Amino acid sequence: MFRPMRRLCCAAGKTVSAKEKGLKPVQPEYETVDYVNIDMRPPLSEDKFELDLERARRRLMYQSGKRGMLEMDALLGTFGRARIPEWSRTQLMQWHDILRHYDNDLYCWLVRRTKLEEVPSDLTNSQVYQDLVMYSQNEEHRTEIPE
């Protein structure tokens, strides 16, 4: 807890109160932050894709398989390993935008537990997202998840 200074020492040895000197205690101003809607993943600039496309492919392939939710690891990991090597730069940017969403949201959108209106329009307009939806609905690609 912050306690303001009661007395200040002068050069002559007298004590003068902070109020007499005209000093006010410094109290930091805190702003309220909504931690629920903060995207903690750093944005990927287009310059990095221009400079080293193969490095971006490897990084996106790793992020596809290491999500933190086992179901999404299996779904996005197998889809990413199958498609990322052949994608263009714009498709890699679209995949990066998809990976920036939370696993729970992606899982609900891909399994169709939510209404289609709740899926953001930037995803529904993306060709990569449409391919991912088709991939998630195809029974041939289903991966057995260990218990």
N, C-alpha and C. Protein backbone atom coordinates (compact mmCIF):
# COMPACT_ATOMS: atom_id res chain seq x y z
N MET A 1 0.84 -1.18 0.00
CA MET A 1 0.00 0.00 0.00
C MET A 1 0.89 1.24 0.00
N PHE A 2 0.43 2.25 -0.65
CA PHE A 2 1.21 3.47 -0.80
C PHE A 2 1.01 4.36 0.41
N ARG A 3 2.12 4.81 1.03
CA ARG A 3 2.05 5.75 2.15
C ARG A 3 2.79 7.01 1.74
N PRO A 4 2.12 8.14 1.75
CA PRO A 4 2.80 9.37 1.36
C PRO A 4 3.84 9.78 2.41
N MET A 5 4.84 10.50 1.95
CA MET A 5 5.90 10.95 2.83
C MET A 5 5.37 12.05 3.74
N ARG A 6 5.63 11.91 5.03
CA ARG A 6 5.10 12.89 6.00
C ARG A 6 5.99 14.13 6.10
N ARG A 7 7.28 13.94 6.18
CA ARG A 7 8.20 15.07 6.38
C ARG A 7 9.37 14.98 5.42
N LEU A 8 9.84 16.11 5.00
CA LEU A 8 11.04 16.19 4.18
C LEU A 8 12.12 16.93 4.95
N CYS A 9 13.35 16.53 4.77
CA CYS A 9 14.46 17.19 5.45
C CYS A 9 15.02 18.30 4.56
N CYS A 10 15.24 19.45 5.15
CA CYS A 10 15.85 20.56 4.42
C CYS A 10 17.35 20.55 4.66
N ALA A 11 18.05 21.34 3.92
CA ALA A 11 19.50 21.42 4.08
C ALA A 11 19.87 22.03 5.43
N ALA A 12 19.02 22.91 5.99
CA ALA A 12 19.32 23.57 7.26
C ALA A 12 18.97 22.70 8.45
N GLY A 13 18.43 21.52 8.24
CA GLY A 13 18.11 20.63 9.34
C GLY A 13 16.68 20.76 9.81
N LYS A 14 15.94 21.69 9.26
CA LYS A 14 14.53 21.82 9.64
C LYS A 14 13.72 20.76 8.89
N THR A 15 12.64 20.34 9.48
CA THR A 15 11.73 19.43 8.78
C THR A 15 10.52 20.20 8.30
N VAL A 16 10.20 19.96 7.07
CA VAL A 16 9.07 20.63 6.44
C VAL A 16 8.16 19.55 5.89
N SER A 17 6.88 19.70 6.07
CA SER A 17 5.96 18.69 5.57
C SER A 17 5.87 18.78 4.05
N ALA A 18 5.51 17.67 3.46
CA ALA A 18 5.37 17.60 2.01
C ALA A 18 4.27 18.54 1.53
N LYS A 19 3.26 18.71 2.37
CA LYS A 19 2.15 19.59 2.00
C LYS A 19 2.61 21.04 1.95
N GLU A 20 3.46 21.43 2.90
CA GLU A 20 3.99 22.79 2.91
C GLU A 20 4.88 23.05 1.70
N LYS A 21 5.57 22.01 1.22
CA LYS A 21 6.42 22.15 0.05
C LYS A 21 5.60 22.17 -1.24
N GLY A 22 4.33 21.79 -1.16
CA GLY A 22 3.48 21.76 -2.35
C GLY A 22 3.58 20.46 -3.12
N LEU A 23 4.10 19.43 -2.49
CA LEU A 23 4.24 18.14 -3.16
C LEU A 23 3.01 17.29 -2.89
N LYS A 24 2.64 16.57 -3.90
CA LYS A 24 1.51 15.64 -3.77
C LYS A 24 2.05 14.22 -3.94
N PRO A 25 1.51 13.29 -3.21
CA PRO A 25 1.96 11.91 -3.40
C PRO A 25 1.59 11.42 -4.79
N VAL A 26 2.50 10.68 -5.38
CA VAL A 26 2.28 10.16 -6.72
C VAL A 26 1.51 8.85 -6.61
N GLN A 27 0.37 8.83 -7.22
CA GLN A 27 -0.42 7.61 -7.24
C GLN A 27 -0.57 7.18 -8.69
N PRO A 28 -0.16 5.97 -9.00
CA PRO A 28 -0.24 5.53 -10.39
C PRO A 28 -1.68 5.37 -10.83
N GLU A 29 -1.90 5.72 -12.07
CA GLU A 29 -3.23 5.55 -12.64
C GLU A 29 -3.25 4.21 -13.36
N TYR A 30 -4.18 3.36 -12.96
CA TYR A 30 -4.29 2.05 -13.56
C TYR A 30 -5.43 2.06 -14.55
N GLU A 31 -5.19 1.42 -15.69
CA GLU A 31 -6.27 1.30 -16.64
C GLU A 31 -6.81 -0.12 -16.58
N THR A 32 -8.06 -0.25 -16.85
CA THR A 32 -8.69 -1.55 -16.81
C THR A 32 -8.42 -2.26 -18.12
N VAL A 33 -7.98 -3.50 -18.03
CA VAL A 33 -7.64 -4.27 -19.22
C VAL A 33 -8.55 -5.49 -19.29
N ASP A 34 -9.12 -5.72 -20.45
CA ASP A 34 -9.97 -6.89 -20.67
C ASP A 34 -9.07 -8.03 -21.13
N TYR A 35 -8.68 -8.90 -20.21
CA TYR A 35 -7.75 -9.97 -20.54
C TYR A 35 -8.38 -11.10 -21.34
N VAL A 36 -9.69 -11.15 -21.41
CA VAL A 36 -10.34 -12.22 -22.14
C VAL A 36 -10.19 -12.03 -23.64
N ASN A 37 -10.25 -10.80 -24.12
CA ASN A 37 -10.24 -10.55 -25.56
C ASN A 37 -8.88 -10.12 -26.09
N ILE A 38 -7.83 -10.36 -25.34
CA ILE A 38 -6.49 -10.01 -25.80
C ILE A 38 -5.92 -11.17 -26.59
N ASP A 39 -5.43 -10.90 -27.76
CA ASP A 39 -4.76 -11.92 -28.56
C ASP A 39 -3.29 -11.90 -28.21
N MET A 40 -2.81 -12.94 -27.53
CA MET A 40 -1.44 -12.96 -27.04
C MET A 40 -0.43 -13.37 -28.10
N ARG A 41 -0.89 -13.88 -29.22
CA ARG A 41 0.04 -14.31 -30.25
C ARG A 41 0.51 -13.10 -31.05
N PRO A 42 1.81 -13.00 -31.28
CA PRO A 42 2.31 -11.85 -32.01
C PRO A 42 1.89 -11.90 -33.47
N PRO A 43 1.55 -10.76 -34.04
CA PRO A 43 1.18 -10.77 -35.46
C PRO A 43 2.40 -11.09 -36.32
N LEU A 44 2.16 -11.79 -37.39
CA LEU A 44 3.25 -12.15 -38.29
C LEU A 44 3.23 -11.16 -39.45
N SER A 45 4.30 -10.44 -39.61
CA SER A 45 4.35 -9.44 -40.66
C SER A 45 4.58 -10.12 -42.01
N GLU A 46 4.11 -9.47 -43.05
CA GLU A 46 4.27 -10.01 -44.39
C GLU A 46 5.73 -10.00 -44.82
N ASP A 47 6.54 -9.16 -44.21
CA ASP A 47 7.96 -9.12 -44.55
C ASP A 47 8.64 -10.44 -44.22
N LYS A 48 8.25 -11.07 -43.13
CA LYS A 48 8.86 -12.34 -42.76
C LYS A 48 8.52 -13.42 -43.78
N PHE A 49 7.31 -13.36 -44.34
CA PHE A 49 6.97 -14.33 -45.37
C PHE A 49 7.78 -14.08 -46.63
N GLU A 50 8.02 -12.82 -46.95
CA GLU A 50 8.79 -12.49 -48.15
C GLU A 50 10.23 -12.96 -48.01
N LEU A 51 10.82 -12.74 -46.82
CA LEU A 51 12.23 -13.05 -46.64
C LEU A 51 12.51 -14.55 -46.59
N ASP A 52 11.71 -15.28 -45.84
CA ASP A 52 12.01 -16.69 -45.65
C ASP A 52 10.71 -17.49 -45.63
N LEU A 53 10.25 -17.88 -46.78
CA LEU A 53 8.97 -18.58 -46.91
C LEU A 53 9.07 -19.99 -46.30
N GLU A 54 10.20 -20.64 -46.47
CA GLU A 54 10.36 -22.00 -45.95
C GLU A 54 10.37 -22.01 -44.42
N ARG A 55 10.96 -21.00 -43.83
CA ARG A 55 10.96 -20.91 -42.37
C ARG A 55 9.54 -20.69 -41.85
N ALA A 56 8.77 -19.87 -42.53
CA ALA A 56 7.38 -19.64 -42.14
C ALA A 56 6.58 -20.93 -42.27
N ARG A 57 6.84 -21.72 -43.31
CA ARG A 57 6.15 -23.00 -43.46
C ARG A 57 6.44 -23.93 -42.27
N ARG A 58 7.70 -24.02 -41.89
CA ARG A 58 8.07 -24.90 -40.77
C ARG A 58 7.43 -24.42 -39.47
N ARG A 59 7.42 -23.11 -39.26
CA ARG A 59 6.85 -22.58 -38.02
C ARG A 59 5.34 -22.82 -37.97
N LEU A 60 4.66 -22.59 -39.08
CA LEU A 60 3.21 -22.81 -39.12
C LEU A 60 2.87 -24.29 -38.99
N MET A 61 3.71 -25.16 -39.55
CA MET A 61 3.47 -26.59 -39.42
C MET A 61 3.62 -27.02 -37.96
N TYR A 62 4.59 -26.46 -37.26
CA TYR A 62 4.77 -26.77 -35.84
C TYR A 62 3.58 -26.25 -35.03
N GLN A 63 3.16 -25.01 -35.30
CA GLN A 63 2.04 -24.43 -34.55
C GLN A 63 0.73 -25.17 -34.82
N SER A 64 0.61 -25.79 -35.99
CA SER A 64 -0.60 -26.54 -36.31
C SER A 64 -0.74 -27.78 -35.44
N GLY A 65 0.38 -28.43 -35.16
CA GLY A 65 0.33 -29.67 -34.41
C GLY A 65 0.47 -29.52 -32.91
N LYS A 66 0.88 -28.36 -32.44
CA LYS A 66 1.10 -28.13 -31.00
C LYS A 66 0.17 -27.03 -30.52
N ARG A 67 -1.09 -27.34 -30.40
CA ARG A 67 -2.09 -26.34 -30.05
C ARG A 67 -2.39 -26.30 -28.56
N GLY A 68 -2.35 -27.44 -27.90
CA GLY A 68 -2.68 -27.49 -26.49
C GLY A 68 -3.98 -28.24 -26.23
N MET A 69 -4.79 -28.41 -27.24
CA MET A 69 -6.02 -29.19 -27.12
C MET A 69 -5.86 -30.40 -28.05
N LEU A 70 -5.97 -31.59 -27.51
CA LEU A 70 -5.63 -32.80 -28.25
C LEU A 70 -6.42 -32.94 -29.54
N GLU A 71 -7.70 -32.62 -29.51
CA GLU A 71 -8.53 -32.73 -30.70
C GLU A 71 -8.04 -31.80 -31.80
N MET A 72 -7.69 -30.57 -31.40
CA MET A 72 -7.21 -29.61 -32.40
C MET A 72 -5.80 -29.95 -32.87
N ASP A 73 -4.99 -30.54 -31.99
CA ASP A 73 -3.67 -31.01 -32.42
C ASP A 73 -3.81 -32.02 -33.54
N ALA A 74 -4.74 -32.96 -33.36
CA ALA A 74 -4.94 -34.00 -34.36
C ALA A 74 -5.51 -33.44 -35.66
N LEU A 75 -6.53 -32.61 -35.54
CA LEU A 75 -7.19 -32.09 -36.74
C LEU A 75 -6.30 -31.11 -37.51
N LEU A 76 -5.83 -30.08 -36.83
CA LEU A 76 -5.03 -29.06 -37.51
C LEU A 76 -3.64 -29.58 -37.88
N GLY A 77 -3.11 -30.48 -37.05
CA GLY A 77 -1.78 -31.03 -37.35
C GLY A 77 -1.78 -31.87 -38.61
N THR A 78 -2.75 -32.77 -38.75
CA THR A 78 -2.79 -33.60 -39.96
C THR A 78 -3.13 -32.77 -41.19
N PHE A 79 -4.04 -31.83 -41.03
CA PHE A 79 -4.38 -30.95 -42.16
C PHE A 79 -3.18 -30.11 -42.57
N GLY A 80 -2.47 -29.55 -41.58
CA GLY A 80 -1.32 -28.71 -41.87
C GLY A 80 -0.19 -29.48 -42.53
N ARG A 81 0.11 -30.68 -42.02
CA ARG A 81 1.19 -31.48 -42.62
C ARG A 81 0.88 -31.87 -44.05
N ALA A 82 -0.41 -32.08 -44.35
CA ALA A 82 -0.79 -32.47 -45.71
C ALA A 82 -0.80 -31.30 -46.68
N ARG A 83 -1.12 -30.09 -46.21
CA ARG A 83 -1.35 -28.97 -47.14
C ARG A 83 -0.28 -27.89 -47.15
N ILE A 84 0.36 -27.63 -46.04
CA ILE A 84 1.28 -26.49 -45.94
C ILE A 84 2.41 -26.53 -46.97
N PRO A 85 3.02 -27.67 -47.27
CA PRO A 85 4.13 -27.65 -48.23
C PRO A 85 3.76 -27.15 -49.62
N GLU A 86 2.52 -27.24 -50.00
CA GLU A 86 2.13 -26.83 -51.36
C GLU A 86 1.45 -25.46 -51.42
N TRP A 87 1.25 -24.80 -50.30
CA TRP A 87 0.53 -23.53 -50.27
C TRP A 87 1.39 -22.37 -50.73
N SER A 88 0.69 -21.36 -51.25
CA SER A 88 1.36 -20.12 -51.64
C SER A 88 1.47 -19.20 -50.42
N ARG A 89 2.08 -18.06 -50.63
CA ARG A 89 2.27 -17.11 -49.53
C ARG A 89 0.94 -16.60 -48.98
N THR A 90 -0.03 -16.30 -49.85
CA THR A 90 -1.32 -15.80 -49.37
C THR A 90 -2.08 -16.88 -48.60
N GLN A 91 -1.96 -18.13 -49.02
CA GLN A 91 -2.62 -19.21 -48.29
C GLN A 91 -1.97 -19.42 -46.93
N LEU A 92 -0.65 -19.24 -46.85
CA LEU A 92 0.02 -19.33 -45.56
C LEU A 92 -0.42 -18.21 -44.63
N MET A 93 -0.64 -17.02 -45.17
CA MET A 93 -1.14 -15.91 -44.34
C MET A 93 -2.55 -16.21 -43.84
N GLN A 94 -3.38 -16.81 -44.68
CA GLN A 94 -4.72 -17.18 -44.25
C GLN A 94 -4.66 -18.25 -43.15
N TRP A 95 -3.76 -19.21 -43.29
CA TRP A 95 -3.60 -20.25 -42.27
C TRP A 95 -3.12 -19.65 -40.96
N HIS A 96 -2.23 -18.68 -41.06
CA HIS A 96 -1.75 -17.99 -39.85
C HIS A 96 -2.92 -17.28 -39.16
N ASP A 97 -3.79 -16.66 -39.91
CA ASP A 97 -4.96 -15.99 -39.34
C ASP A 97 -5.90 -16.99 -38.66
N ILE A 98 -6.03 -18.17 -39.24
CA ILE A 98 -6.87 -19.20 -38.63
C ILE A 98 -6.26 -19.66 -37.30
N LEU A 99 -4.96 -19.85 -37.28
CA LEU A 99 -4.29 -20.33 -36.07
C LEU A 99 -4.31 -19.32 -34.94
N ARG A 100 -4.58 -18.07 -35.24
CA ARG A 100 -4.64 -17.04 -34.20
C ARG A 100 -5.91 -17.14 -33.35
N HIS A 101 -6.90 -17.90 -33.80
CA HIS A 101 -8.13 -18.06 -33.03
C HIS A 101 -7.92 -19.12 -31.95
N TYR A 102 -8.72 -19.04 -30.90
CA TYR A 102 -8.63 -19.98 -29.79
C TYR A 102 -9.10 -21.36 -30.22
N ASP A 103 -8.52 -22.39 -29.59
CA ASP A 103 -8.86 -23.77 -29.92
C ASP A 103 -10.33 -24.08 -29.71
N ASN A 104 -10.90 -23.60 -28.62
CA ASN A 104 -12.31 -23.88 -28.34
C ASN A 104 -13.21 -23.30 -29.41
N ASP A 105 -12.90 -22.09 -29.86
CA ASP A 105 -13.71 -21.48 -30.91
C ASP A 105 -13.58 -22.26 -32.21
N LEU A 106 -12.36 -22.59 -32.59
CA LEU A 106 -12.15 -23.35 -33.82
C LEU A 106 -12.85 -24.71 -33.77
N TYR A 107 -12.76 -25.35 -32.63
CA TYR A 107 -13.39 -26.66 -32.48
C TYR A 107 -14.90 -26.55 -32.66
N CYS A 108 -15.50 -25.55 -32.05
CA CYS A 108 -16.95 -25.38 -32.18
C CYS A 108 -17.34 -25.04 -33.61
N TRP A 109 -16.55 -24.20 -34.27
CA TRP A 109 -16.87 -23.82 -35.65
C TRP A 109 -16.71 -25.00 -36.60
N LEU A 110 -15.69 -25.81 -36.40
CA LEU A 110 -15.42 -26.90 -37.33
C LEU A 110 -16.34 -28.09 -37.10
N VAL A 111 -16.75 -28.32 -35.88
CA VAL A 111 -17.63 -29.44 -35.60
C VAL A 111 -19.09 -29.02 -35.77
N ARG A 112 -19.31 -27.74 -36.01
CA ARG A 112 -20.65 -27.17 -36.24
C ARG A 112 -21.53 -27.21 -34.99
N ARG A 113 -20.92 -26.93 -33.84
CA ARG A 113 -21.71 -26.84 -32.62
C ARG A 113 -22.32 -25.45 -32.47
N THR A 114 -21.85 -24.51 -33.24
CA THR A 114 -22.39 -23.16 -33.17
C THR A 114 -23.01 -22.81 -34.52
N LYS A 115 -23.76 -21.75 -34.51
CA LYS A 115 -24.39 -21.30 -35.74
C LYS A 115 -23.35 -20.71 -36.67
N LEU A 116 -23.61 -20.80 -37.94
CA LEU A 116 -22.66 -20.32 -38.94
C LEU A 116 -22.47 -18.81 -38.85
N GLU A 117 -23.47 -18.10 -38.32
CA GLU A 117 -23.36 -16.65 -38.21
C GLU A 117 -22.30 -16.23 -37.20
N GLU A 118 -21.96 -17.12 -36.26
CA GLU A 118 -20.98 -16.78 -35.24
C GLU A 118 -19.54 -16.89 -35.73
N VAL A 119 -19.32 -17.54 -36.85
CA VAL A 119 -17.97 -17.64 -37.41
C VAL A 119 -17.62 -16.30 -38.04
N PRO A 120 -16.46 -15.75 -37.73
CA PRO A 120 -16.09 -14.44 -38.30
C PRO A 120 -16.06 -14.48 -39.83
N SER A 121 -16.44 -13.37 -40.42
CA SER A 121 -16.54 -13.32 -41.88
C SER A 121 -15.19 -13.45 -42.56
N ASP A 122 -14.10 -13.01 -41.89
CA ASP A 122 -12.79 -13.16 -42.52
C ASP A 122 -12.40 -14.63 -42.66
N LEU A 123 -12.94 -15.49 -41.79
CA LEU A 123 -12.67 -16.92 -41.93
C LEU A 123 -13.55 -17.56 -42.99
N THR A 124 -14.82 -17.22 -43.00
CA THR A 124 -15.72 -17.86 -43.96
C THR A 124 -15.36 -17.49 -45.39
N ASN A 125 -14.75 -16.34 -45.60
CA ASN A 125 -14.35 -15.92 -46.95
C ASN A 125 -13.01 -16.53 -47.36
N SER A 126 -12.31 -17.16 -46.44
CA SER A 126 -10.99 -17.71 -46.70
C SER A 126 -11.11 -19.08 -47.36
N GLN A 127 -10.38 -19.29 -48.44
CA GLN A 127 -10.38 -20.59 -49.12
C GLN A 127 -9.75 -21.67 -48.24
N VAL A 128 -8.74 -21.31 -47.48
CA VAL A 128 -8.08 -22.27 -46.59
C VAL A 128 -9.05 -22.75 -45.51
N TYR A 129 -9.86 -21.84 -44.97
CA TYR A 129 -10.84 -22.24 -43.95
C TYR A 129 -11.90 -23.16 -44.56
N GLN A 130 -12.33 -22.87 -45.76
CA GLN A 130 -13.32 -23.73 -46.42
C GLN A 130 -12.74 -25.12 -46.66
N ASP A 131 -11.46 -25.19 -47.04
CA ASP A 131 -10.80 -26.49 -47.21
C ASP A 131 -10.72 -27.22 -45.86
N LEU A 132 -10.44 -26.48 -44.79
CA LEU A 132 -10.36 -27.07 -43.46
C LEU A 132 -11.71 -27.63 -43.02
N VAL A 133 -12.79 -26.92 -43.32
CA VAL A 133 -14.13 -27.41 -42.98
C VAL A 133 -14.43 -28.70 -43.73
N MET A 134 -14.10 -28.72 -45.01
CA MET A 134 -14.31 -29.94 -45.80
C MET A 134 -13.46 -31.10 -45.26
N TYR A 135 -12.25 -30.79 -44.87
CA TYR A 135 -11.34 -31.80 -44.32
C TYR A 135 -11.87 -32.34 -43.00
N SER A 136 -12.40 -31.46 -42.16
CA SER A 136 -12.89 -31.91 -40.85
C SER A 136 -14.18 -32.72 -40.96
N GLN A 137 -14.93 -32.55 -42.03
CA GLN A 137 -16.17 -33.30 -42.21
C GLN A 137 -15.95 -34.62 -42.94
N ASN A 138 -14.77 -34.80 -43.54
CA ASN A 138 -14.48 -36.01 -44.29
C ASN A 138 -14.09 -37.13 -43.34
N GLU A 139 -14.77 -38.25 -43.43
CA GLU A 139 -14.53 -39.37 -42.52
C GLU A 139 -13.21 -40.08 -42.80
N GLU A 140 -12.67 -39.99 -44.03
CA GLU A 140 -11.45 -40.72 -44.36
C GLU A 140 -10.25 -40.19 -43.59
N HIS A 141 -10.26 -38.92 -43.23
CA HIS A 141 -9.10 -38.30 -42.59
C HIS A 141 -9.16 -38.34 -41.08
N ARG A 142 -10.20 -38.91 -40.51
CA ARG A 142 -10.36 -38.89 -39.06
C ARG A 142 -9.19 -39.64 -38.40
N THR A 143 -8.69 -39.06 -37.36
CA THR A 143 -7.58 -39.64 -36.61
C THR A 143 -8.11 -40.15 -35.28
N GLU A 144 -7.70 -41.32 -34.92
CA GLU A 144 -8.08 -41.86 -33.62
C GLU A 144 -7.30 -41.13 -32.54
N ILE A 145 -8.01 -40.60 -31.56
CA ILE A 145 -7.39 -39.89 -30.45
C ILE A 145 -7.26 -40.84 -29.28
N PRO A 146 -6.04 -41.05 -28.78
CA PRO A 146 -5.89 -41.99 -27.66
C PRO A 146 -6.56 -41.47 -26.40
N GLU A 147 -7.06 -42.38 -25.58
CA GLU A 147 -7.73 -41.98 -24.34
C GLU A 147 -6.78 -41.80 -23.21
